[in-house]
Amino acid sequence: MKILVLGEHNNGKVKDSTLATLGAAAKLGGEVNLLLTDSGAPSVAEDAKTIAGVSKVLIAGDAALDHELAESVAPLLARLMESYDILLASSTTTGRNIAPRVAAMLDVMQISDIVAVEGPETFQRPIYAGNAIATVRSKDAKKVITVRGTAFEKAQRGGGSASIEQVEAGESNDRSSFVSMEASESERPELTSAKIIVSGGRALGSNETFHQLIDPLADKLGAAVGASRAAVDAGYAPNDYQVGQTGKIVAPELYIAIGISGAIQHLAGMKDSKVIVAINKDEEAPIFQVADVGLVGDLFKIVPELTEKL
């Protein structure tokens, strides 16, 4: 069995989400190849070839693949899949954009957001906002799968000695083009890979209060900042802070939920956290059902005091 993993990278390194996808590939067995695309791919090859479990790194360094446009990358993957049995992609914005197109080109069913591997044809994936786990089996000759990164151990860098092979981009894409990207910059850890996350909810009342209370605590802990959908919709925090079913799926070692009631959509994005601390004045809030530590009280008094004592 041959497995192709779609790699994501930045700053000369393979992203943590791809390392987790490689962890899922390891559970399938077989030969694992990693594909890196865009003109920056060659600079990542030295990092990629050392990852444990990777036997070959495929480099598609054509500028036509820059910015991972799905209309450019999907045809390349569909062509490469002639030599592979399974395609794995991270369940990130990039993976969710590209994988369905590849599945359509191959005329197969996509298996989305898997959290466990039971065998080469059988997988587990969450349904109903994570309240149930479905076991699915696919008899398709080619399988296209997206992987929830928080569910698998990351493949380790170092110790690997993969070979490197250049591949051609193939047909040019005239259906879409990259215009611009506006990305927020922060010295804090990336939300999806942070070990500690401090999240705020609508109870904080305003954008100003959100940052006055949440940011100092996060800075003291060296944590990433998250938010509930209600807080994002109210304009307290930007979209890339959102944790939940329609935001980012996280599983840090410590998750601190401040003023978050615990709607099912939010719980779906953070309930796999190792330790969950909840601060809320409503003792009946659903967040306390999943919290390891719960503090009932006024967050406007508790959070500044907690920050000061740290």
Protein backbone atom coordinates (compact mmCIF):
# COMPACT_ATOMS: atom_id res chain seq x y z
CA MET A 1 0.00 0.00 0.00
CA LYS A 2 1.30 3.44 -0.97
CA ILE A 3 0.21 6.58 0.85
CA LEU A 4 0.58 10.15 -0.39
CA VAL A 5 0.42 12.96 2.18
CA LEU A 6 -0.24 16.54 1.09
CA GLY A 7 2.26 18.66 3.01
CA GLU A 8 1.78 22.21 4.26
CA HIS A 9 4.74 24.39 5.18
CA ASN A 10 5.91 27.85 6.11
CA ASN A 11 9.16 29.49 7.16
CA GLY A 12 11.18 26.62 5.78
CA LYS A 13 9.52 23.95 7.93
CA VAL A 14 6.70 21.44 7.62
CA LYS A 15 3.67 22.56 9.64
CA ASP A 16 2.56 20.72 12.78
CA SER A 17 -0.76 19.86 11.11
CA THR A 18 1.15 17.87 8.48
CA LEU A 19 3.23 16.13 11.16
CA ALA A 20 -0.06 14.94 12.73
CA THR A 21 -1.29 13.76 9.32
CA LEU A 22 1.94 11.80 8.94
CA GLY A 23 1.19 10.30 12.36
CA ALA A 24 -2.12 9.04 10.98
CA ALA A 25 -0.32 7.68 7.90
CA ALA A 26 1.99 5.68 10.15
CA LYS A 27 -1.03 3.84 11.59
CA LEU A 28 -2.03 2.71 8.10
CA GLY A 29 1.32 1.07 7.39
CA GLY A 30 2.83 0.95 3.95
CA GLU A 31 5.11 3.36 2.14
CA VAL A 32 4.53 7.03 2.95
CA ASN A 33 5.46 9.81 0.50
CA LEU A 34 5.14 13.51 1.30
CA LEU A 35 4.27 16.08 -1.38
CA LEU A 36 5.39 19.71 -0.97
CA THR A 37 4.17 22.33 -3.43
CA ASP A 38 4.94 25.92 -4.57
CA SER A 39 8.21 27.70 -5.23
CA GLY A 40 9.14 27.59 -1.55
CA ALA A 41 9.00 23.79 -1.43
CA PRO A 42 12.70 23.17 -2.21
CA SER A 43 13.73 25.13 0.89
CA VAL A 44 11.59 22.80 3.04
CA ALA A 45 13.06 19.59 1.62
CA GLU A 46 15.92 19.40 4.13
CA ASP A 47 13.47 19.55 7.03
CA ALA A 48 10.96 17.19 5.41
CA LYS A 49 13.44 14.42 4.60
CA THR A 50 14.35 14.01 8.28
CA ILE A 51 10.77 13.29 9.40
CA ALA A 52 10.36 9.77 10.75
CA GLY A 53 8.27 7.44 8.58
CA VAL A 54 8.63 9.37 5.31
CA SER A 55 10.33 7.31 2.61
CA LYS A 56 10.22 9.90 -0.19
CA VAL A 57 9.65 13.66 -0.43
CA LEU A 58 8.09 14.85 -3.68
CA ILE A 59 8.91 18.46 -4.59
CA ALA A 60 6.62 20.35 -6.96
CA GLY A 61 8.44 23.67 -6.90
CA ASP A 62 6.65 25.34 -9.79
CA ALA A 63 5.56 28.94 -9.17
CA ALA A 64 2.21 28.01 -10.72
CA LEU A 65 1.49 26.14 -7.46
CA ASP A 66 2.22 29.14 -5.22
CA HIS A 67 -0.32 29.93 -2.48
CA GLU A 68 -1.74 26.38 -2.72
CA LEU A 69 -4.63 27.32 -4.99
CA ALA A 70 -6.94 24.32 -5.14
CA GLU A 71 -7.45 24.69 -8.90
CA SER A 72 -3.69 24.25 -9.37
CA VAL A 73 -2.87 21.62 -6.74
CA ALA A 74 -5.88 19.28 -7.14
CA PRO A 75 -5.10 18.22 -10.75
CA LEU A 76 -1.51 17.47 -9.73
CA LEU A 77 -2.69 15.27 -6.86
CA ALA A 78 -5.24 13.49 -9.05
CA ARG A 79 -2.47 12.68 -11.52
CA LEU A 80 -0.08 11.48 -8.81
CA MET A 81 -2.81 9.27 -7.31
CA GLU A 82 -2.42 6.91 -10.27
CA SER A 83 0.53 5.49 -8.31
CA TYR A 84 -0.99 5.64 -4.81
CA ASP A 85 -3.77 3.96 -2.86
CA ILE A 86 -4.54 6.63 -0.25
CA LEU A 87 -4.29 10.42 -0.16
CA LEU A 88 -4.14 12.04 3.28
CA ALA A 89 -4.54 15.78 3.83
CA SER A 90 -4.77 17.81 7.03
CA SER A 91 -8.26 18.94 8.01
CA THR A 92 -7.15 22.57 7.67
CA THR A 93 -8.46 25.30 5.40
CA THR A 94 -6.00 24.17 2.74
CA GLY A 95 -6.75 20.46 3.07
CA ARG A 96 -10.52 20.96 3.13
CA ASN A 97 -10.26 23.12 0.03
CA ILE A 98 -8.17 20.71 -2.04
CA ALA A 99 -9.16 17.17 -0.97
CA PRO A 100 -12.83 17.26 -2.11
CA ARG A 101 -11.76 18.35 -5.58
CA VAL A 102 -9.32 15.46 -5.81
CA ALA A 103 -12.04 13.03 -4.66
CA ALA A 104 -14.37 14.38 -7.36
CA MET A 105 -11.68 14.00 -10.02
CA LEU A 106 -11.09 10.40 -8.92
CA ASP A 107 -14.85 9.76 -8.60
CA VAL A 108 -14.54 8.44 -5.04
CA MET A 109 -16.12 9.23 -1.68
CA GLN A 110 -14.09 11.50 0.58
CA ILE A 111 -13.68 10.44 4.22
CA SER A 112 -13.54 13.63 6.25
CA ASP A 113 -11.91 14.59 9.54
CA ILE A 114 -10.89 11.14 10.78
CA VAL A 115 -9.88 10.77 14.44
CA ALA A 116 -8.82 7.09 14.45
CA VAL A 117 -7.58 4.41 12.07
CA GLU A 118 -8.97 0.89 12.54
CA GLY A 119 -7.52 -0.55 9.34
CA PRO A 120 -6.69 0.32 5.73
CA GLU A 121 -10.40 0.56 4.90
CA THR A 122 -11.98 1.47 8.26
CA PHE A 123 -11.84 4.80 10.07
CA GLN A 124 -13.57 6.76 12.82
CA ARG A 125 -14.85 10.30 12.40
CA PRO A 126 -16.98 12.59 14.59
CA ILE A 127 -20.56 13.45 13.67
CA TYR A 128 -23.25 15.61 15.30
CA ALA A 129 -20.69 18.21 16.44
CA GLY A 130 -18.58 15.50 18.02
CA ASN A 131 -21.37 14.02 20.15
CA ALA A 132 -21.10 10.71 18.30
CA ILE A 133 -18.29 8.86 16.56
CA ALA A 134 -19.11 7.09 13.31
CA THR A 135 -17.09 4.11 12.10
CA VAL A 136 -16.93 4.18 8.31
CA ARG A 137 -15.58 1.66 5.83
CA SER A 138 -14.67 2.46 2.24
CA LYS A 139 -14.27 -0.07 -0.54
CA ASP A 140 -13.06 2.54 -3.03
CA ALA A 141 -9.85 1.54 -4.78
CA LYS A 142 -8.47 5.04 -4.14
CA LYS A 143 -9.17 6.77 -0.84
CA VAL A 144 -9.12 10.50 -0.16
CA ILE A 145 -9.04 11.31 3.55
CA THR A 146 -8.72 14.44 5.70
CA VAL A 147 -7.21 14.09 9.18
CA ARG A 148 -8.07 15.92 12.40
CA GLY A 149 -4.63 16.90 13.63
CA THR A 150 -5.50 16.97 17.33
CA ALA A 151 -6.37 13.24 17.28
CA PHE A 152 -2.96 11.87 16.25
CA GLU A 153 0.57 12.00 17.59
CA LYS A 154 2.85 14.14 15.46
CA ALA A 155 5.59 12.43 13.48
CA GLN A 156 8.99 13.32 14.90
CA ARG A 157 11.66 15.31 13.10
CA GLY A 158 15.10 13.74 13.06
CA GLY A 159 16.17 10.22 12.33
CA GLY A 160 14.53 10.05 8.92
CA SER A 161 16.46 9.82 5.66
CA ALA A 162 13.91 10.18 2.87
CA SER A 163 14.92 10.54 -0.74
CA ILE A 164 13.90 13.65 -2.68
CA GLU A 165 12.23 13.57 -6.09
CA GLN A 166 11.16 16.46 -8.32
CA VAL A 167 7.70 16.31 -9.93
CA GLU A 168 6.19 18.50 -12.64
CA ALA A 169 3.22 20.75 -11.88
CA GLY A 170 1.38 19.68 -15.02
CA GLU A 171 -1.38 21.70 -16.67
CA SER A 172 -1.61 25.41 -15.91
CA ASN A 173 -4.53 26.88 -14.00
CA ASP A 174 -6.44 29.63 -15.80
CA ARG A 175 -9.54 29.53 -13.59
CA SER A 176 -8.24 31.28 -10.50
CA SER A 177 -5.38 33.54 -9.46
CA PHE A 178 -3.91 34.81 -6.22
CA VAL A 179 -4.77 38.46 -5.58
CA SER A 180 -3.61 39.24 -2.05
CA MET A 181 -3.53 38.00 1.53
CA GLU A 182 -4.10 39.95 4.71
CA ALA A 183 -2.74 37.93 7.60
CA SER A 184 -2.63 38.97 11.22
CA GLU A 185 0.78 38.79 12.86
CA SER A 186 1.32 37.91 16.49
CA GLU A 187 4.20 36.95 18.73
CA ARG A 188 1.90 34.54 20.53
CA PRO A 189 1.87 30.82 19.64
CA GLU A 190 -0.29 29.63 16.74
CA LEU A 191 -3.73 28.68 18.03
CA THR A 192 -3.83 25.15 16.61
CA SER A 193 -0.41 24.18 18.00
CA ALA A 194 -0.34 26.13 21.30
CA LYS A 195 0.13 24.24 24.56
CA ILE A 196 -1.94 26.79 26.48
CA ILE A 197 -4.97 28.71 25.20
CA VAL A 198 -6.93 31.46 26.94
CA SER A 199 -10.34 31.96 25.32
CA GLY A 200 -12.95 34.63 25.91
CA GLY A 201 -16.69 34.68 25.28
CA ARG A 202 -19.51 37.13 24.75
CA ALA A 203 -19.78 37.77 28.50
CA LEU A 204 -16.72 40.01 28.26
CA GLY A 205 -19.01 42.66 26.79
CA SER A 206 -16.82 44.54 24.33
CA ASN A 207 -13.70 44.40 22.16
CA GLU A 208 -11.88 46.69 24.59
CA THR A 209 -12.72 44.60 27.65
CA PHE A 210 -11.88 41.37 25.82
CA HIS A 211 -8.33 42.50 25.18
CA GLN A 212 -7.93 44.21 28.56
CA LEU A 213 -8.68 40.99 30.42
CA ILE A 214 -7.65 38.17 28.07
CA ASP A 215 -4.38 39.50 26.59
CA PRO A 216 -2.48 40.13 29.87
CA LEU A 217 -3.39 36.66 31.18
CA ALA A 218 -2.33 35.02 27.92
CA ASP A 219 0.95 36.96 27.96
CA LYS A 220 1.69 35.83 31.53
CA LEU A 221 1.10 32.19 30.56
CA GLY A 222 2.77 32.36 27.15
CA ALA A 223 -0.56 31.29 25.71
CA ALA A 224 -2.46 31.71 22.47
CA VAL A 225 -5.71 33.68 22.51
CA GLY A 226 -8.98 32.12 21.39
CA ALA A 227 -12.61 33.16 21.33
CA SER A 228 -16.07 31.68 21.05
CA ARG A 229 -18.10 32.23 17.91
CA ALA A 230 -20.41 34.56 19.84
CA ALA A 231 -17.45 36.76 20.77
CA VAL A 232 -16.18 36.80 17.18
CA ASP A 233 -19.63 37.56 15.77
CA ALA A 234 -19.96 40.43 18.26
CA GLY A 235 -16.68 41.88 17.00
CA TYR A 236 -14.68 41.32 20.19
CA ALA A 237 -12.03 39.24 18.41
CA PRO A 238 -10.95 38.52 14.81
CA ASN A 239 -12.14 35.43 12.91
CA ASP A 240 -8.81 33.62 13.23
CA TYR A 241 -9.30 33.50 17.03
CA GLN A 242 -12.46 31.41 16.73
CA VAL A 243 -12.44 28.00 18.39
CA GLY A 244 -15.23 25.56 17.64
CA GLN A 245 -17.02 23.50 15.02
CA THR A 246 -16.95 26.39 12.53
CA GLY A 247 -13.58 27.66 13.75
CA LYS A 248 -10.36 25.93 14.75
CA ILE A 249 -10.12 22.54 16.42
CA VAL A 250 -7.63 22.64 19.30
CA ALA A 251 -6.32 20.25 21.93
CA PRO A 252 -3.84 22.12 24.14
CA GLU A 253 -2.49 20.90 27.47
CA LEU A 254 -4.43 23.69 29.19
CA TYR A 255 -7.57 25.47 27.92
CA ILE A 256 -8.96 28.37 29.96
CA ALA A 257 -12.51 29.35 29.00
CA ILE A 258 -13.51 32.77 30.34
CA GLY A 259 -17.11 33.91 30.03
CA ILE A 260 -17.92 31.06 27.63
CA SER A 261 -21.21 29.27 28.27
CA GLY A 262 -20.17 26.15 26.37
CA ALA A 263 -22.46 25.86 23.36
CA ILE A 264 -22.16 22.50 21.64
CA GLN A 265 -20.42 24.09 18.64
CA HIS A 266 -17.68 25.51 20.87
CA LEU A 267 -17.24 22.28 22.83
CA ALA A 268 -16.72 20.41 19.56
CA GLY A 269 -13.57 22.47 19.00
CA MET A 270 -11.88 22.19 22.41
CA LYS A 271 -13.19 19.29 24.44
CA ASP A 272 -10.11 17.17 23.64
CA SER A 273 -7.95 19.59 25.65
CA LYS A 274 -5.96 17.84 28.38
CA VAL A 275 -7.09 20.18 31.18
CA ILE A 276 -10.06 22.54 30.87
CA VAL A 277 -10.55 25.46 33.28
CA ALA A 278 -13.85 27.36 33.13
CA ILE A 279 -14.68 30.74 34.69
CA ASN A 280 -18.34 31.70 34.49
CA LYS A 281 -20.90 33.32 36.78
CA ASP A 282 -23.62 30.85 35.72
CA GLU A 283 -23.13 27.62 37.64
CA GLU A 284 -25.51 25.86 35.23
CA ALA A 285 -23.40 26.74 32.16
CA PRO A 286 -22.74 23.67 29.94
CA ILE A 287 -18.99 24.41 29.98
CA PHE A 288 -18.82 23.06 33.54
CA GLN A 289 -19.87 19.62 32.30
CA VAL A 290 -16.57 19.20 30.46
CA ALA A 291 -14.35 21.36 32.71
CA ASP A 292 -11.74 19.74 34.96
CA VAL A 293 -11.67 22.88 37.10
CA GLY A 294 -14.64 25.23 37.36
CA LEU A 295 -14.80 28.60 39.07
CA VAL A 296 -18.20 30.23 39.51
CA GLY A 297 -17.92 33.98 39.92
CA ASP A 298 -17.53 37.40 38.38
CA LEU A 299 -14.88 37.17 35.67
CA PHE A 300 -14.26 40.93 35.87
CA LYS A 301 -12.88 40.38 39.39
CA ILE A 302 -11.43 36.89 39.04
CA VAL A 303 -9.39 37.35 35.86
CA PRO A 304 -7.46 40.49 36.95
CA GLU A 305 -6.74 38.86 40.31
CA LEU A 306 -5.54 35.66 38.63
CA THR A 307 -3.33 37.66 36.24
CA GLU A 308 -1.85 39.65 39.12
CA LYS A 309 -1.01 36.56 41.17
CA LEU A 310 0.73 34.93 38.22
